Each structure stands twice: as structure tokens, then as C-alpha cells.
């Protein structure tokens, strides 16, 4: 599968603010760079006795599929390869400087 990742930024090319990629079914997905408030909101899942959902919550709060926001349930309902792609792209965006 060809990598069609697109990185965009508002500040400079060296400070990307989002990453866009294609899922296995052809839909376009995107993840934006998070803020502290996103971390705080995702941590509420841990407060509800659900620490395993923290990563899924954090990624889904920053993501869209087909231009529409998603919820954690949308992310966990994806095929495993697409779920892993979201985690990989989130990590890639997080580590771009």
C-alpha cells in the first residue's frame, strides 16, 4: 500500500499541526496536534476506571474520518490495521518538531 500521508501546518513547515492519511477503505482520516486540554479530557477515561481506553480516547479526540469528528468507539470499531495506522500517525505527528 502506497503511503499517502500529508502533513500540514499553520506555523512553519517544521511545526506541523495536522497529519492526513488514507484508511484501507479509501476514507481520508486526519489527526490534529493536541493541546493540554485534550490530555486532561482523555484522562477522564482513567477516572472512570477505564485506563485501557486512555490512548484510544486521546487519539479520537484529535481525529476525523471523512471530515467528521470521531469518538473512541469509532476508533475501536476499525479494522486492526487501520487502528494501528491511527496510533502510528498520531505518534508520528507527536514526534515531529
Protein backbone atom coordinates (compact mmCIF):
# COMPACT_ATOMS: atom_id res chain seq x y z
CA UNK A 1 0.00 0.00 0.00
CA UNK A 2 1.35 3.39 -1.01
CA UNK A 3 1.90 5.88 1.81
CA UNK A 4 -0.18 8.96 1.05
CA UNK A 5 0.47 10.83 4.29
CA UNK A 6 0.05 14.59 4.07
CA UNK A 7 1.44 16.79 6.83
CA UNK A 8 0.18 20.36 7.14
CA UNK A 9 0.97 23.23 9.41
CA UNK A 10 -0.08 26.76 10.08
CA UNK A 11 3.14 28.00 11.67
CA UNK A 12 6.01 26.74 9.54
CA UNK A 13 6.78 23.56 7.60
CA UNK A 14 8.86 22.43 10.57
CA UNK A 15 5.95 22.74 13.01
CA UNK A 16 3.10 20.69 11.57
CA UNK A 17 -0.33 20.98 13.13
CA UNK A 18 -2.05 18.01 11.48
CA UNK A 19 -1.48 14.83 9.52
CA UNK A 20 -3.81 13.33 6.90
CA UNK A 21 -3.81 9.75 5.62
CA UNK A 22 -5.96 7.20 3.81
CA UNK A 23 -7.64 4.26 5.55
CA UNK A 24 -7.89 0.82 3.94
CA UNK A 25 -11.45 1.51 2.77
CA UNK A 26 -10.35 4.71 0.98
CA UNK A 27 -11.70 7.21 3.50
CA UNK A 28 -9.48 10.14 4.45
CA UNK A 29 -8.56 10.44 8.11
CA UNK A 30 -6.77 13.24 9.90
CA UNK A 31 -5.24 13.88 13.29
CA UNK A 32 -4.50 17.34 14.64
CA UNK A 33 -1.79 18.22 17.11
CA UNK A 34 -3.16 18.09 20.65
CA UNK A 35 -3.19 20.57 23.49
CA UNK A 36 -3.06 20.16 27.24
CA UNK A 37 -6.85 20.28 27.42
CA UNK A 38 -7.01 17.18 25.19
CA UNK A 39 -4.75 15.30 27.60
CA UNK A 40 -6.93 16.41 30.51
CA UNK A 41 -10.12 15.30 28.75
CA UNK A 42 -8.67 11.92 27.80
CA UNK A 43 -7.55 11.34 31.38
CA UNK A 44 -11.21 11.41 32.45
CA UNK A 45 -11.46 7.89 30.99
CA UNK A 46 -8.93 6.78 33.60
CA UNK A 47 -11.02 8.45 36.31
CA UNK A 48 -13.96 6.32 35.18
CA UNK A 49 -11.98 3.15 35.87
CA UNK A 50 -11.09 2.62 32.23
CA UNK A 51 -7.31 3.19 31.96
CA UNK A 52 -7.00 0.98 28.89
CA UNK A 53 -9.10 3.42 26.88
CA UNK A 54 -6.86 6.42 27.55
CA UNK A 55 -4.86 6.15 24.32
CA UNK A 56 -7.97 5.49 22.24
CA UNK A 57 -9.74 8.46 23.85
CA UNK A 58 -6.76 10.75 23.33
CA UNK A 59 -6.34 9.86 19.67
CA UNK A 60 -10.06 10.00 18.86
CA UNK A 61 -10.43 13.47 20.38
CA UNK A 62 -7.90 14.74 17.86
CA UNK A 63 -9.17 12.84 14.82
CA UNK A 64 -11.64 12.93 11.98
CA UNK A 65 -12.70 10.38 9.39
CA UNK A 66 -14.22 11.77 6.21
CA UNK A 67 -14.04 15.25 7.76
CA UNK A 68 -16.27 14.28 10.71
CA UNK A 69 -15.10 14.07 14.34
CA UNK A 70 -14.93 10.59 15.81
CA UNK A 71 -15.45 9.11 19.27
CA UNK A 72 -13.43 6.33 20.92
CA UNK A 73 -15.97 3.72 19.81
CA UNK A 74 -15.39 4.68 16.16
CA UNK A 75 -11.69 4.08 16.58
CA UNK A 76 -12.01 0.68 18.27
CA UNK A 77 -14.52 -0.44 15.63
CA UNK A 78 -11.93 -0.01 12.85
CA UNK A 79 -10.03 -2.97 11.42
CA UNK A 80 -6.87 -3.67 13.38
CA UNK A 81 -4.61 -2.37 10.59
CA UNK A 82 -6.48 0.95 10.45
CA UNK A 83 -6.44 1.25 14.25
CA UNK A 84 -2.69 0.64 14.21
CA UNK A 85 -2.35 3.23 11.44
CA UNK A 86 -4.07 5.84 13.63
CA UNK A 87 -1.72 5.06 16.53
CA UNK A 88 1.31 5.21 14.21
CA UNK A 89 0.28 8.52 12.59
CA UNK A 90 -0.56 10.06 15.99
CA UNK A 91 2.87 9.07 17.25
CA UNK A 92 4.49 10.40 14.07
CA UNK A 93 2.75 13.78 14.42
CA UNK A 94 3.55 13.98 18.11
CA UNK A 95 7.23 13.45 17.44
CA UNK A 96 7.60 15.89 14.53
CA UNK A 97 9.35 19.03 15.64
